[in-house]
């Protein structure tokens, strides 16, 4: 993607994940640090 993620998780057990998923995960999030306006948060994700 040539993008830096907000967070990642390698495959395997993660004691902090309550879903029980063991999948690897790549995440790019837009939250209140980006904008308090949800519409702008969603627009950022949709644009990417």
ModelCIF file with pLDDT and N, C-alpha, C, O atoms, coordinates in Angstrom:
data_MODEL
#
_entry.id   MODEL 
#
_entity.id                         1 
_entity.type                       polymer 
_entity.pdbx_number_of_molecules   1 
#
_entity_poly.entity_id                      1 
_entity_poly.type                           'polypeptide(L)' 
_entity_poly.nstd_linkage                   no 
_entity_poly.nstd_monomer                   no 
_entity_poly.pdbx_seq_one_letter_code       
;(UNK)(UNK)(UNK)(UNK)(UNK)(UNK)(UNK)(UNK)(UNK)(UNK)(UNK)(UNK)(UNK)(UNK)(UNK)(UNK)
(UNK)(UNK)(UNK)(UNK)(UNK)(UNK)(UNK)(UNK)(UNK)(UNK)(UNK)(UNK)(UNK)(UNK)(UNK)(UNK)
(UNK)(UNK)(UNK)(UNK)(UNK)(UNK)(UNK)(UNK)(UNK)(UNK)(UNK)(UNK)(UNK)(UNK)(UNK)(UNK)
;
_entity_poly.pdbx_seq_one_letter_code_can   XXXXXXXXXXXXXXXXXXXXXXXXXXXXXXXXXXXXXXXXXXXXXXXX 
_entity_poly.pdbx_strand_id                 A 
#
loop_
_entity_poly_seq.entity_id 
_entity_poly_seq.num 
_entity_poly_seq.mon_id 
_entity_poly_seq.hetero 
1 1  UNK n 
1 2  UNK n 
1 3  UNK n 
1 4  UNK n 
1 5  UNK n 
1 6  UNK n 
1 7  UNK n 
1 8  UNK n 
1 9  UNK n 
1 10 UNK n 
1 11 UNK n 
1 12 UNK n 
1 13 UNK n 
1 14 UNK n 
1 15 UNK n 
1 16 UNK n 
1 17 UNK n 
1 18 UNK n 
1 19 UNK n 
1 20 UNK n 
1 21 UNK n 
1 22 UNK n 
1 23 UNK n 
1 24 UNK n 
1 25 UNK n 
1 26 UNK n 
1 27 UNK n 
1 28 UNK n 
1 29 UNK n 
1 30 UNK n 
1 31 UNK n 
1 32 UNK n 
1 33 UNK n 
1 34 UNK n 
1 35 UNK n 
1 36 UNK n 
1 37 UNK n 
1 38 UNK n 
1 39 UNK n 
1 40 UNK n 
1 41 UNK n 
1 42 UNK n 
1 43 UNK n 
1 44 UNK n 
1 45 UNK n 
1 46 UNK n 
1 47 UNK n 
1 48 UNK n 
#
_struct_asym.id          A 
_struct_asym.entity_id   1 
#
loop_
_ma_qa_metric.id 
_ma_qa_metric.mode 
_ma_qa_metric.name 
_ma_qa_metric.software_group_id 
_ma_qa_metric.type 
1 global pLDDT . pLDDT 
2 local  pLDDT . pLDDT 
#
_ma_qa_metric_global.metric_id      1 
_ma_qa_metric_global.metric_value   83.40 
_ma_qa_metric_global.model_id       1 
_ma_qa_metric_global.ordinal_id     1 
#
loop_
_ma_qa_metric_local.label_asym_id 
_ma_qa_metric_local.label_comp_id 
_ma_qa_metric_local.label_seq_id 
_ma_qa_metric_local.metric_id 
_ma_qa_metric_local.metric_value 
_ma_qa_metric_local.model_id 
_ma_qa_metric_local.ordinal_id 
A UNK 1  2 97.00 1 1  
A UNK 2  2 97.00 1 2  
A UNK 3  2 96.00 1 3  
A UNK 4  2 96.00 1 4  
A UNK 5  2 96.00 1 5  
A UNK 6  2 95.00 1 6  
A UNK 7  2 92.00 1 7  
A UNK 8  2 92.00 1 8  
A UNK 9  2 88.00 1 9  
A UNK 10 2 81.00 1 10 
A UNK 11 2 78.00 1 11 
A UNK 12 2 68.00 1 12 
A UNK 13 2 65.00 1 13 
A UNK 14 2 65.00 1 14 
A UNK 15 2 57.00 1 15 
A UNK 16 2 59.00 1 16 
A UNK 17 2 59.00 1 17 
A UNK 18 2 55.00 1 18 
A UNK 19 2 61.00 1 19 
A UNK 20 2 57.00 1 20 
A UNK 21 2 64.00 1 21 
A UNK 22 2 70.00 1 22 
A UNK 23 2 80.00 1 23 
A UNK 24 2 87.00 1 24 
A UNK 25 2 91.00 1 25 
A UNK 26 2 95.00 1 26 
A UNK 27 2 95.00 1 27 
A UNK 28 2 96.00 1 28 
A UNK 29 2 95.00 1 29 
A UNK 30 2 91.00 1 30 
A UNK 31 2 76.00 1 31 
A UNK 32 2 73.00 1 32 
A UNK 33 2 76.00 1 33 
A UNK 34 2 81.00 1 34 
A UNK 35 2 79.00 1 35 
A UNK 36 2 83.00 1 36 
A UNK 37 2 85.00 1 37 
A UNK 38 2 87.00 1 38 
A UNK 39 2 89.00 1 39 
A UNK 40 2 92.00 1 40 
A UNK 41 2 93.00 1 41 
A UNK 42 2 94.00 1 42 
A UNK 43 2 95.00 1 43 
A UNK 44 2 95.00 1 44 
A UNK 45 2 96.00 1 45 
A UNK 46 2 97.00 1 46 
A UNK 47 2 97.00 1 47 
A UNK 48 2 97.00 1 48 
#
loop_
_atom_site.group_PDB 
_atom_site.id 
_atom_site.type_symbol 
_atom_site.label_atom_id 
_atom_site.label_alt_id 
_atom_site.label_comp_id 
_atom_site.label_asym_id 
_atom_site.label_entity_id 
_atom_site.label_seq_id 
_atom_site.pdbx_PDB_ins_code 
_atom_site.Cartn_x 
_atom_site.Cartn_y 
_atom_site.Cartn_z 
_atom_site.occupancy 
_atom_site.B_iso_or_equiv 
_atom_site.pdbx_formal_charge 
_atom_site.auth_seq_id 
_atom_site.auth_comp_id 
_atom_site.auth_asym_id 
_atom_site.auth_atom_id 
_atom_site.pdbx_PDB_model_num 
ATOM 1   N N  . UNK A 1 1  ? 0.812   -1.224  0.000  1.00 97.00 ? 1  UNK A N  1 
ATOM 2   C CA . UNK A 1 1  ? 0.000   0.000   0.000  1.00 97.00 ? 1  UNK A CA 1 
ATOM 3   C C  . UNK A 1 1  ? 0.843   1.270   0.000  1.00 97.00 ? 1  UNK A C  1 
ATOM 4   O O  . UNK A 1 1  ? 0.349   2.350   -0.324 1.00 97.00 ? 1  UNK A O  1 
ATOM 5   N N  . UNK A 1 2  ? 2.119   1.138   0.365  1.00 97.00 ? 2  UNK A N  1 
ATOM 6   C CA . UNK A 1 2  ? 3.003   2.308   0.510  1.00 97.00 ? 2  UNK A CA 1 
ATOM 7   C C  . UNK A 1 2  ? 2.404   3.307   1.504  1.00 97.00 ? 2  UNK A C  1 
ATOM 8   O O  . UNK A 1 2  ? 2.435   4.520   1.295  1.00 97.00 ? 2  UNK A O  1 
ATOM 9   N N  . UNK A 1 3  ? 1.863   2.757   2.582  1.00 96.00 ? 3  UNK A N  1 
ATOM 10  C CA . UNK A 1 3  ? 1.275   3.554   3.661  1.00 96.00 ? 3  UNK A CA 1 
ATOM 11  C C  . UNK A 1 3  ? 1.744   2.998   4.995  1.00 96.00 ? 3  UNK A C  1 
ATOM 12  O O  . UNK A 1 3  ? 1.853   1.784   5.162  1.00 96.00 ? 3  UNK A O  1 
ATOM 13  N N  . UNK A 1 4  ? 2.019   3.878   5.938  1.00 96.00 ? 4  UNK A N  1 
ATOM 14  C CA . UNK A 1 4  ? 2.355   3.433   7.280  1.00 96.00 ? 4  UNK A CA 1 
ATOM 15  C C  . UNK A 1 4  ? 1.067   3.225   8.066  1.00 96.00 ? 4  UNK A C  1 
ATOM 16  O O  . UNK A 1 4  ? 0.207   4.105   8.089  1.00 96.00 ? 4  UNK A O  1 
ATOM 17  N N  . UNK A 1 5  ? 0.927   2.076   8.707  1.00 96.00 ? 5  UNK A N  1 
ATOM 18  C CA . UNK A 1 5  ? -0.287  1.811   9.485  1.00 96.00 ? 5  UNK A CA 1 
ATOM 19  C C  . UNK A 1 5  ? -0.269  2.527   10.829 1.00 96.00 ? 5  UNK A C  1 
ATOM 20  O O  . UNK A 1 5  ? 0.775   2.976   11.302 1.00 96.00 ? 5  UNK A O  1 
ATOM 21  N N  . UNK A 1 6  ? -1.430  2.621   11.422 1.00 95.00 ? 6  UNK A N  1 
ATOM 22  C CA . UNK A 1 6  ? -1.547  3.112   12.791 1.00 95.00 ? 6  UNK A CA 1 
ATOM 23  C C  . UNK A 1 6  ? -1.105  2.023   13.759 1.00 95.00 ? 6  UNK A C  1 
ATOM 24  O O  . UNK A 1 6  ? -0.453  2.292   14.768 1.00 95.00 ? 6  UNK A O  1 
ATOM 25  N N  . UNK A 1 7  ? -1.478  0.772   13.427 1.00 92.00 ? 7  UNK A N  1 
ATOM 26  C CA . UNK A 1 7  ? -1.067  -0.360  14.256 1.00 92.00 ? 7  UNK A CA 1 
ATOM 27  C C  . UNK A 1 7  ? -1.047  -1.628  13.409 1.00 92.00 ? 7  UNK A C  1 
ATOM 28  O O  . UNK A 1 7  ? -1.683  -1.702  12.358 1.00 92.00 ? 7  UNK A O  1 
ATOM 29  N N  . UNK A 1 8  ? -0.307  -2.619  13.887 1.00 92.00 ? 8  UNK A N  1 
ATOM 30  C CA . UNK A 1 8  ? -0.253  -3.925  13.238 1.00 92.00 ? 8  UNK A CA 1 
ATOM 31  C C  . UNK A 1 8  ? -0.237  -5.005  14.302 1.00 92.00 ? 8  UNK A C  1 
ATOM 32  O O  . UNK A 1 8  ? 0.035   -4.756  15.477 1.00 92.00 ? 8  UNK A O  1 
ATOM 33  N N  . UNK A 1 9  ? -0.537  -6.209  13.853 1.00 88.00 ? 9  UNK A N  1 
ATOM 34  C CA . UNK A 1 9  ? -0.426  -7.370  14.721 1.00 88.00 ? 9  UNK A CA 1 
ATOM 35  C C  . UNK A 1 9  ? -0.013  -8.549  13.857 1.00 88.00 ? 9  UNK A C  1 
ATOM 36  O O  . UNK A 1 9  ? -0.642  -8.824  12.834 1.00 88.00 ? 9  UNK A O  1 
ATOM 37  N N  . UNK A 1 10 ? 1.025   -9.236  14.256 1.00 81.00 ? 10 UNK A N  1 
ATOM 38  C CA . UNK A 1 10 ? 1.452   -10.445 13.547 1.00 81.00 ? 10 UNK A CA 1 
ATOM 39  C C  . UNK A 1 10 ? 0.498   -11.582 13.876 1.00 81.00 ? 10 UNK A C  1 
ATOM 40  O O  . UNK A 1 10 ? -0.152  -11.560 14.921 1.00 81.00 ? 10 UNK A O  1 
ATOM 41  N N  . UNK A 1 11 ? 0.404   -12.582 12.991 1.00 78.00 ? 11 UNK A N  1 
ATOM 42  C CA . UNK A 1 11 ? -0.473  -13.722 13.281 1.00 78.00 ? 11 UNK A CA 1 
ATOM 43  C C  . UNK A 1 11 ? -0.069  -14.414 14.579 1.00 78.00 ? 11 UNK A C  1 
ATOM 44  O O  . UNK A 1 11 ? 1.106   -14.441 14.945 1.00 78.00 ? 11 UNK A O  1 
ATOM 45  N N  . UNK A 1 12 ? -1.043  -14.961 15.253 1.00 68.00 ? 12 UNK A N  1 
ATOM 46  C CA . UNK A 1 12 ? -0.800  -15.688 16.496 1.00 68.00 ? 12 UNK A CA 1 
ATOM 47  C C  . UNK A 1 12 ? -1.658  -15.162 17.626 1.00 68.00 ? 12 UNK A C  1 
ATOM 48  O O  . UNK A 1 12 ? -2.399  -14.192 17.469 1.00 68.00 ? 12 UNK A O  1 
ATOM 49  N N  . UNK A 1 13 ? -1.549  -15.804 18.742 1.00 65.00 ? 13 UNK A N  1 
ATOM 50  C CA . UNK A 1 13 ? -2.337  -15.445 19.919 1.00 65.00 ? 13 UNK A CA 1 
ATOM 51  C C  . UNK A 1 13 ? -1.933  -14.065 20.435 1.00 65.00 ? 13 UNK A C  1 
ATOM 52  O O  . UNK A 1 13 ? -0.749  -13.746 20.539 1.00 65.00 ? 13 UNK A O  1 
ATOM 53  N N  . UNK A 1 14 ? -2.939  -13.259 20.753 1.00 65.00 ? 14 UNK A N  1 
ATOM 54  C CA . UNK A 1 14 ? -2.712  -11.937 21.327 1.00 65.00 ? 14 UNK A CA 1 
ATOM 55  C C  . UNK A 1 14 ? -3.590  -11.830 22.572 1.00 65.00 ? 14 UNK A C  1 
ATOM 56  O O  . UNK A 1 14 ? -4.816  -11.807 22.471 1.00 65.00 ? 14 UNK A O  1 
ATOM 57  N N  . UNK A 1 15 ? -2.968  -11.765 23.728 1.00 57.00 ? 15 UNK A N  1 
ATOM 58  C CA . UNK A 1 15 ? -3.747  -11.756 24.967 1.00 57.00 ? 15 UNK A CA 1 
ATOM 59  C C  . UNK A 1 15 ? -4.621  -10.521 25.117 1.00 57.00 ? 15 UNK A C  1 
ATOM 60  O O  . UNK A 1 15 ? -5.540  -10.516 25.936 1.00 57.00 ? 15 UNK A O  1 
ATOM 61  N N  . UNK A 1 16 ? -4.354  -9.475  24.344 1.00 59.00 ? 16 UNK A N  1 
ATOM 62  C CA . UNK A 1 16 ? -5.149  -8.251  24.437 1.00 59.00 ? 16 UNK A CA 1 
ATOM 63  C C  . UNK A 1 16 ? -6.351  -8.262  23.492 1.00 59.00 ? 16 UNK A C  1 
ATOM 64  O O  . UNK A 1 16 ? -7.219  -7.395  23.591 1.00 59.00 ? 16 UNK A O  1 
ATOM 65  N N  . UNK A 1 17 ? -6.410  -9.221  22.588 1.00 59.00 ? 17 UNK A N  1 
ATOM 66  C CA . UNK A 1 17 ? -7.519  -9.301  21.636 1.00 59.00 ? 17 UNK A CA 1 
ATOM 67  C C  . UNK A 1 17 ? -8.594  -10.208 22.207 1.00 59.00 ? 17 UNK A C  1 
ATOM 68  O O  . UNK A 1 17 ? -8.409  -11.421 22.302 1.00 59.00 ? 17 UNK A O  1 
ATOM 69  N N  . UNK A 1 18 ? -9.705  -9.623  22.582 1.00 55.00 ? 18 UNK A N  1 
ATOM 70  C CA . UNK A 1 18 ? -10.780 -10.402 23.203 1.00 55.00 ? 18 UNK A CA 1 
ATOM 71  C C  . UNK A 1 18 ? -11.635 -11.154 22.183 1.00 55.00 ? 18 UNK A C  1 
ATOM 72  O O  . UNK A 1 18 ? -12.482 -11.960 22.568 1.00 55.00 ? 18 UNK A O  1 
ATOM 73  N N  . UNK A 1 19 ? -11.423 -10.901 20.879 1.00 61.00 ? 19 UNK A N  1 
ATOM 74  C CA . UNK A 1 19 ? -12.227 -11.576 19.858 1.00 61.00 ? 19 UNK A CA 1 
ATOM 75  C C  . UNK A 1 19 ? -11.781 -13.013 19.640 1.00 61.00 ? 19 UNK A C  1 
ATOM 76  O O  . UNK A 1 19 ? -12.530 -13.814 19.081 1.00 61.00 ? 19 UNK A O  1 
ATOM 77  N N  . UNK A 1 20 ? -10.568 -13.350 20.075 1.00 57.00 ? 20 UNK A N  1 
ATOM 78  C CA . UNK A 1 20 ? -10.049 -14.693 19.868 1.00 57.00 ? 20 UNK A CA 1 
ATOM 79  C C  . UNK A 1 20 ? -9.395  -14.884 18.507 1.00 57.00 ? 20 UNK A C  1 
ATOM 80  O O  . UNK A 1 20 ? -8.907  -15.973 18.203 1.00 57.00 ? 20 UNK A O  1 
ATOM 81  N N  . UNK A 1 21 ? -9.379  -13.857 17.698 1.00 64.00 ? 21 UNK A N  1 
ATOM 82  C CA . UNK A 1 21 ? -8.761  -13.945 16.374 1.00 64.00 ? 21 UNK A CA 1 
ATOM 83  C C  . UNK A 1 21 ? -7.251  -14.115 16.509 1.00 64.00 ? 21 UNK A C  1 
ATOM 84  O O  . UNK A 1 21 ? -6.619  -13.515 17.378 1.00 64.00 ? 21 UNK A O  1 
ATOM 85  N N  . UNK A 1 22 ? -6.694  -14.934 15.643 1.00 70.00 ? 22 UNK A N  1 
ATOM 86  C CA . UNK A 1 22 ? -5.247  -15.106 15.600 1.00 70.00 ? 22 UNK A CA 1 
ATOM 87  C C  . UNK A 1 22 ? -4.679  -14.585 14.277 1.00 70.00 ? 22 UNK A C  1 
ATOM 88  O O  . UNK A 1 22 ? -3.499  -14.783 13.984 1.00 70.00 ? 22 UNK A O  1 
ATOM 89  N N  . UNK A 1 23 ? -5.515  -13.924 13.484 1.00 80.00 ? 23 UNK A N  1 
ATOM 90  C CA . UNK A 1 23 ? -5.083  -13.381 12.196 1.00 80.00 ? 23 UNK A CA 1 
ATOM 91  C C  . UNK A 1 23 ? -4.087  -12.250 12.375 1.00 80.00 ? 23 UNK A C  1 
ATOM 92  O O  . UNK A 1 23 ? -4.097  -11.544 13.384 1.00 80.00 ? 23 UNK A O  1 
ATOM 93  N N  . UNK A 1 24 ? -3.227  -12.090 11.377 1.00 87.00 ? 24 UNK A N  1 
ATOM 94  C CA . UNK A 1 24 ? -2.404  -10.899 11.315 1.00 87.00 ? 24 UNK A CA 1 
ATOM 95  C C  . UNK A 1 24 ? -3.302  -9.735  10.923 1.00 87.00 ? 24 UNK A C  1 
ATOM 96  O O  . UNK A 1 24 ? -4.296  -9.913  10.219 1.00 87.00 ? 24 UNK A O  1 
ATOM 97  N N  . UNK A 1 25 ? -2.944  -8.546  11.384 1.00 91.00 ? 25 UNK A N  1 
ATOM 98  C CA . UNK A 1 25 ? -3.813  -7.392  11.120 1.00 91.00 ? 25 UNK A CA 1 
ATOM 99  C C  . UNK A 1 25 ? -2.975  -6.155  10.832 1.00 91.00 ? 25 UNK A C  1 
ATOM 100 O O  . UNK A 1 25 ? -1.959  -5.899  11.478 1.00 91.00 ? 25 UNK A O  1 
ATOM 101 N N  . UNK A 1 26 ? -3.434  -5.396  9.841  1.00 95.00 ? 26 UNK A N  1 
ATOM 102 C CA . UNK A 1 26 ? -2.852  -4.106  9.480  1.00 95.00 ? 26 UNK A CA 1 
ATOM 103 C C  . UNK A 1 26 ? -3.979  -3.094  9.591  1.00 95.00 ? 26 UNK A C  1 
ATOM 104 O O  . UNK A 1 26 ? -5.054  -3.314  9.033  1.00 95.00 ? 26 UNK A O  1 
ATOM 105 N N  . UNK A 1 27 ? -3.761  -1.990  10.300 1.00 95.00 ? 27 UNK A N  1 
ATOM 106 C CA . UNK A 1 27 ? -4.847  -1.049  10.587 1.00 95.00 ? 27 UNK A CA 1 
ATOM 107 C C  . UNK A 1 27 ? -4.378  0.383   10.378 1.00 95.00 ? 27 UNK A C  1 
ATOM 108 O O  . UNK A 1 27 ? -3.311  0.782   10.845 1.00 95.00 ? 27 UNK A O  1 
ATOM 109 N N  . UNK A 1 28 ? -5.204  1.150   9.662  1.00 96.00 ? 28 UNK A N  1 
ATOM 110 C CA . UNK A 1 28 ? -4.978  2.585   9.502  1.00 96.00 ? 28 UNK A CA 1 
ATOM 111 C C  . UNK A 1 28 ? -6.249  3.269   9.977  1.00 96.00 ? 28 UNK A C  1 
ATOM 112 O O  . UNK A 1 28 ? -7.295  3.162   9.337  1.00 96.00 ? 28 UNK A O  1 
ATOM 113 N N  . UNK A 1 29 ? -6.157  3.977   11.109 1.00 95.00 ? 29 UNK A N  1 
ATOM 114 C CA . UNK A 1 29 ? -7.359  4.556   11.702 1.00 95.00 ? 29 UNK A CA 1 
ATOM 115 C C  . UNK A 1 29 ? -7.290  6.072   11.756 1.00 95.00 ? 29 UNK A C  1 
ATOM 116 O O  . UNK A 1 29 ? -6.223  6.680   11.844 1.00 95.00 ? 29 UNK A O  1 
ATOM 117 N N  . UNK A 1 30 ? -8.463  6.641   11.699 1.00 91.00 ? 30 UNK A N  1 
ATOM 118 C CA . UNK A 1 30 ? -8.635  8.085   11.840 1.00 91.00 ? 30 UNK A CA 1 
ATOM 119 C C  . UNK A 1 30 ? -9.617  8.285   12.984 1.00 91.00 ? 30 UNK A C  1 
ATOM 120 O O  . UNK A 1 30 ? -10.775 7.877   12.904 1.00 91.00 ? 30 UNK A O  1 
ATOM 121 N N  . UNK A 1 31 ? -9.136  8.922   14.056 1.00 76.00 ? 31 UNK A N  1 
ATOM 122 C CA . UNK A 1 31 ? -9.950  9.099   15.247 1.00 76.00 ? 31 UNK A CA 1 
ATOM 123 C C  . UNK A 1 31 ? -9.976  10.571  15.634 1.00 76.00 ? 31 UNK A C  1 
ATOM 124 O O  . UNK A 1 31 ? -9.762  11.443  14.793 1.00 76.00 ? 31 UNK A O  1 
ATOM 125 N N  . UNK A 1 32 ? -10.238 10.844  16.907 1.00 73.00 ? 32 UNK A N  1 
ATOM 126 C CA . UNK A 1 32 ? -10.321 12.237  17.364 1.00 73.00 ? 32 UNK A CA 1 
ATOM 127 C C  . UNK A 1 32 ? -9.016  12.996  17.196 1.00 73.00 ? 32 UNK A C  1 
ATOM 128 O O  . UNK A 1 32 ? -9.021  14.227  17.157 1.00 73.00 ? 32 UNK A O  1 
ATOM 129 N N  . UNK A 1 33 ? -7.895  12.283  17.094 1.00 76.00 ? 33 UNK A N  1 
ATOM 130 C CA . UNK A 1 33 ? -6.629  12.961  16.832 1.00 76.00 ? 33 UNK A CA 1 
ATOM 131 C C  . UNK A 1 33 ? -6.589  13.529  15.416 1.00 76.00 ? 33 UNK A C  1 
ATOM 132 O O  . UNK A 1 33 ? -5.912  14.523  15.154 1.00 76.00 ? 33 UNK A O  1 
ATOM 133 N N  . UNK A 1 34 ? -7.324  12.886  14.506 1.00 81.00 ? 34 UNK A N  1 
ATOM 134 C CA . UNK A 1 34 ? -7.430  13.371  13.118 1.00 81.00 ? 34 UNK A CA 1 
ATOM 135 C C  . UNK A 1 34 ? -8.461  14.499  13.048 1.00 81.00 ? 34 UNK A C  1 
ATOM 136 O O  . UNK A 1 34 ? -8.181  15.580  12.531 1.00 81.00 ? 34 UNK A O  1 
ATOM 137 N N  . UNK A 1 35 ? -9.640  14.233  13.569 1.00 79.00 ? 35 UNK A N  1 
ATOM 138 C CA . UNK A 1 35 ? -10.739 15.199  13.582 1.00 79.00 ? 35 UNK A CA 1 
ATOM 139 C C  . UNK A 1 35 ? -11.807 14.704  14.546 1.00 79.00 ? 35 UNK A C  1 
ATOM 140 O O  . UNK A 1 35 ? -11.995 13.496  14.696 1.00 79.00 ? 35 UNK A O  1 
ATOM 141 N N  . UNK A 1 36 ? -12.496 15.610  15.190 1.00 83.00 ? 36 UNK A N  1 
ATOM 142 C CA . UNK A 1 36 ? -13.631 15.223  16.031 1.00 83.00 ? 36 UNK A CA 1 
ATOM 143 C C  . UNK A 1 36 ? -14.891 15.022  15.191 1.00 83.00 ? 36 UNK A C  1 
ATOM 144 O O  . UNK A 1 36 ? -15.908 14.548  15.696 1.00 83.00 ? 36 UNK A O  1 
ATOM 145 N N  . UNK A 1 37 ? -14.822 15.378  13.923 1.00 85.00 ? 37 UNK A N  1 
ATOM 146 C CA . UNK A 1 37 ? -15.949 15.259  13.002 1.00 85.00 ? 37 UNK A CA 1 
ATOM 147 C C  . UNK A 1 37 ? -15.924 13.869  12.360 1.00 85.00 ? 37 UNK A C  1 
ATOM 148 O O  . UNK A 1 37 ? -15.031 13.569  11.568 1.00 85.00 ? 37 UNK A O  1 
ATOM 149 N N  . UNK A 1 38 ? -16.892 13.028  12.695 1.00 87.00 ? 38 UNK A N  1 
ATOM 150 C CA . UNK A 1 38 ? -16.925 11.670  12.156 1.00 87.00 ? 38 UNK A CA 1 
ATOM 151 C C  . UNK A 1 38 ? -16.933 11.677  10.633 1.00 87.00 ? 38 UNK A C  1 
ATOM 152 O O  . UNK A 1 38 ? -16.287 10.834  10.011 1.00 87.00 ? 38 UNK A O  1 
ATOM 153 N N  . UNK A 1 39 ? -17.635 12.593  10.037 1.00 89.00 ? 39 UNK A N  1 
ATOM 154 C CA . UNK A 1 39 ? -17.710 12.658  8.579  1.00 89.00 ? 39 UNK A CA 1 
ATOM 155 C C  . UNK A 1 39 ? -16.319 12.793  7.955  1.00 89.00 ? 39 UNK A C  1 
ATOM 156 O O  . UNK A 1 39 ? -16.031 12.175  6.930  1.00 89.00 ? 39 UNK A O  1 
ATOM 157 N N  . UNK A 1 40 ? -15.458 13.605  8.579  1.00 92.00 ? 40 UNK A N  1 
ATOM 158 C CA . UNK A 1 40 ? -14.092 13.765  8.066  1.00 92.00 ? 40 UNK A CA 1 
ATOM 159 C C  . UNK A 1 40 ? -13.261 12.504  8.307  1.00 92.00 ? 40 UNK A C  1 
ATOM 160 O O  . UNK A 1 40 ? -12.414 12.155  7.484  1.00 92.00 ? 40 UNK A O  1 
ATOM 161 N N  . UNK A 1 41 ? -13.495 11.825  9.418  1.00 93.00 ? 41 UNK A N  1 
ATOM 162 C CA . UNK A 1 41 ? -12.799 10.559  9.685  1.00 93.00 ? 41 UNK A CA 1 
ATOM 163 C C  . UNK A 1 41 ? -13.151 9.530   8.601  1.00 93.00 ? 41 UNK A C  1 
ATOM 164 O O  . UNK A 1 41 ? -12.272 8.881   8.034  1.00 93.00 ? 41 UNK A O  1 
ATOM 165 N N  . UNK A 1 42 ? -14.455 9.396   8.327  1.00 94.00 ? 42 UNK A N  1 
ATOM 166 C CA . UNK A 1 42 ? -14.897 8.427   7.331  1.00 94.00 ? 42 UNK A CA 1 
ATOM 167 C C  . UNK A 1 42 ? -14.411 8.812   5.941  1.00 94.00 ? 42 UNK A C  1 
ATOM 168 O O  . UNK A 1 42 ? -13.979 7.949   5.177  1.00 94.00 ? 42 UNK A O  1 
ATOM 169 N N  . UNK A 1 43 ? -14.475 10.094  5.606  1.00 95.00 ? 43 UNK A N  1 
ATOM 170 C CA . UNK A 1 43 ? -13.983 10.541  4.297  1.00 95.00 ? 43 UNK A CA 1 
ATOM 171 C C  . UNK A 1 43 ? -12.513 10.189  4.104  1.00 95.00 ? 43 UNK A C  1 
ATOM 172 O O  . UNK A 1 43 ? -12.108 9.806   3.006  1.00 95.00 ? 43 UNK A O  1 
ATOM 173 N N  . UNK A 1 44 ? -11.710 10.315  5.159  1.00 95.00 ? 44 UNK A N  1 
ATOM 174 C CA . UNK A 1 44 ? -10.282 9.983   5.068  1.00 95.00 ? 44 UNK A CA 1 
ATOM 175 C C  . UNK A 1 44 ? -10.096 8.505   4.731  1.00 95.00 ? 44 UNK A C  1 
ATOM 176 O O  . UNK A 1 44 ? -9.283  8.164   3.872  1.00 95.00 ? 44 UNK A O  1 
ATOM 177 N N  . UNK A 1 45 ? -10.840 7.633   5.397  1.00 96.00 ? 45 UNK A N  1 
ATOM 178 C CA . UNK A 1 45 ? -10.736 6.195   5.130  1.00 96.00 ? 45 UNK A CA 1 
ATOM 179 C C  . UNK A 1 45 ? -11.223 5.875   3.720  1.00 96.00 ? 45 UNK A C  1 
ATOM 180 O O  . UNK A 1 45 ? -10.576 5.120   2.994  1.00 96.00 ? 45 UNK A O  1 
ATOM 181 N N  . UNK A 1 46 ? -12.353 6.444   3.334  1.00 97.00 ? 46 UNK A N  1 
ATOM 182 C CA . UNK A 1 46 ? -12.890 6.180   1.999  1.00 97.00 ? 46 UNK A CA 1 
ATOM 183 C C  . UNK A 1 46 ? -11.934 6.657   0.910  1.00 97.00 ? 46 UNK A C  1 
ATOM 184 O O  . UNK A 1 46 ? -11.752 5.972   -0.097 1.00 97.00 ? 46 UNK A O  1 
ATOM 185 N N  . UNK A 1 47 ? -11.328 7.815   1.102  1.00 97.00 ? 47 UNK A N  1 
ATOM 186 C CA . UNK A 1 47 ? -10.398 8.349   0.103  1.00 97.00 ? 47 UNK A CA 1 
ATOM 187 C C  . UNK A 1 47 ? -9.193  7.436   -0.069 1.00 97.00 ? 47 UNK A C  1 
ATOM 188 O O  . UNK A 1 47 ? -8.763  7.183   -1.194 1.00 97.00 ? 47 UNK A O  1 
ATOM 189 N N  . UNK A 1 48 ? -8.650  6.942   1.028  1.00 97.00 ? 48 UNK A N  1 
ATOM 190 C CA . UNK A 1 48 ? -7.505  6.032   0.939  1.00 97.00 ? 48 UNK A CA 1 
ATOM 191 C C  . UNK A 1 48 ? -7.911  4.727   0.275  1.00 97.00 ? 48 UNK A C  1 
ATOM 192 O O  . UNK A 1 48 ? -7.079  3.834   0.111  1.00 97.00 ? 48 UNK A O  1 
#
